[in-house]
Protein backbone atom coordinates (compact mmCIF):
# COMPACT_ATOMS: atom_id res chain seq x y z
CA MET A 1 144.61 66.24 94.02
CA PRO A 2 146.06 69.25 96.35
CA ASP A 3 143.71 70.31 98.83
CA ILE A 4 141.97 73.55 97.99
CA ILE A 5 141.68 75.18 101.47
CA GLU A 6 144.48 75.11 103.88
CA GLY A 7 143.82 74.79 107.68
CA PRO A 8 144.75 76.66 110.50
CA PRO A 9 148.26 77.78 110.80
CA GLU A 10 150.39 75.47 113.18
CA ALA A 11 150.53 76.89 116.70
CA ASP A 12 154.74 77.59 116.21
CA ALA A 13 154.05 79.11 113.15
CA PRO A 14 155.53 83.19 112.75
CA ARG A 15 153.16 85.83 112.67
CA ARG A 16 153.36 88.14 109.71
CA PRO A 17 154.26 91.31 110.17
CA LEU A 18 151.26 93.51 112.28
CA GLY A 19 152.14 96.15 109.08
CA ARG A 20 150.50 93.64 106.59
CA ARG A 21 147.60 92.13 108.59
CA LEU A 22 146.59 95.94 108.90
CA ALA A 23 146.64 96.63 105.30
CA TRP A 24 144.63 93.67 104.31
CA PHE A 25 142.06 94.54 106.88
CA LEU A 26 141.66 98.37 105.87
CA ALA A 27 141.55 97.15 102.03
CA LEU A 28 138.72 94.44 103.04
CA ALA A 29 136.99 97.04 105.20
CA LEU A 30 137.00 99.82 102.44
CA ALA A 31 136.28 97.50 99.90
CA GLY A 32 133.36 96.01 102.12
CA MET A 33 132.46 99.88 102.42
CA ALA A 34 132.73 100.46 98.61
CA ALA A 35 130.31 97.54 97.54
CA THR A 36 127.48 98.54 100.12
CA GLY A 37 127.60 102.24 98.95
CA ALA A 38 127.43 100.73 95.29
CA VAL A 39 124.56 98.66 96.04
CA ALA A 40 123.05 101.66 98.01
CA TYR A 41 122.97 103.46 95.46
CA ALA A 42 122.20 101.32 92.37
CA LEU A 43 118.99 100.45 94.63
CA ARG A 44 118.16 104.27 95.01
CA ALA A 45 118.18 104.82 91.41
CA LEU A 46 116.15 101.86 90.67
CA LEU A 47 113.64 103.13 93.13
CA GLY A 48 114.01 106.65 90.82
CA LEU A 49 115.09 108.36 94.34
CA GLU A 50 117.13 111.46 94.50
């Protein structure tokens, strides 16, 4: 059975381009903010607040 979780990269492995790493960071940050906002508005709706 293959491993599901990979270990850390080797010390001599090439790093991914900076643009790609920043794009992933930005995408994850925006997704986190969207999820937080959705939960906040859902809670406001459940509490009957405007």
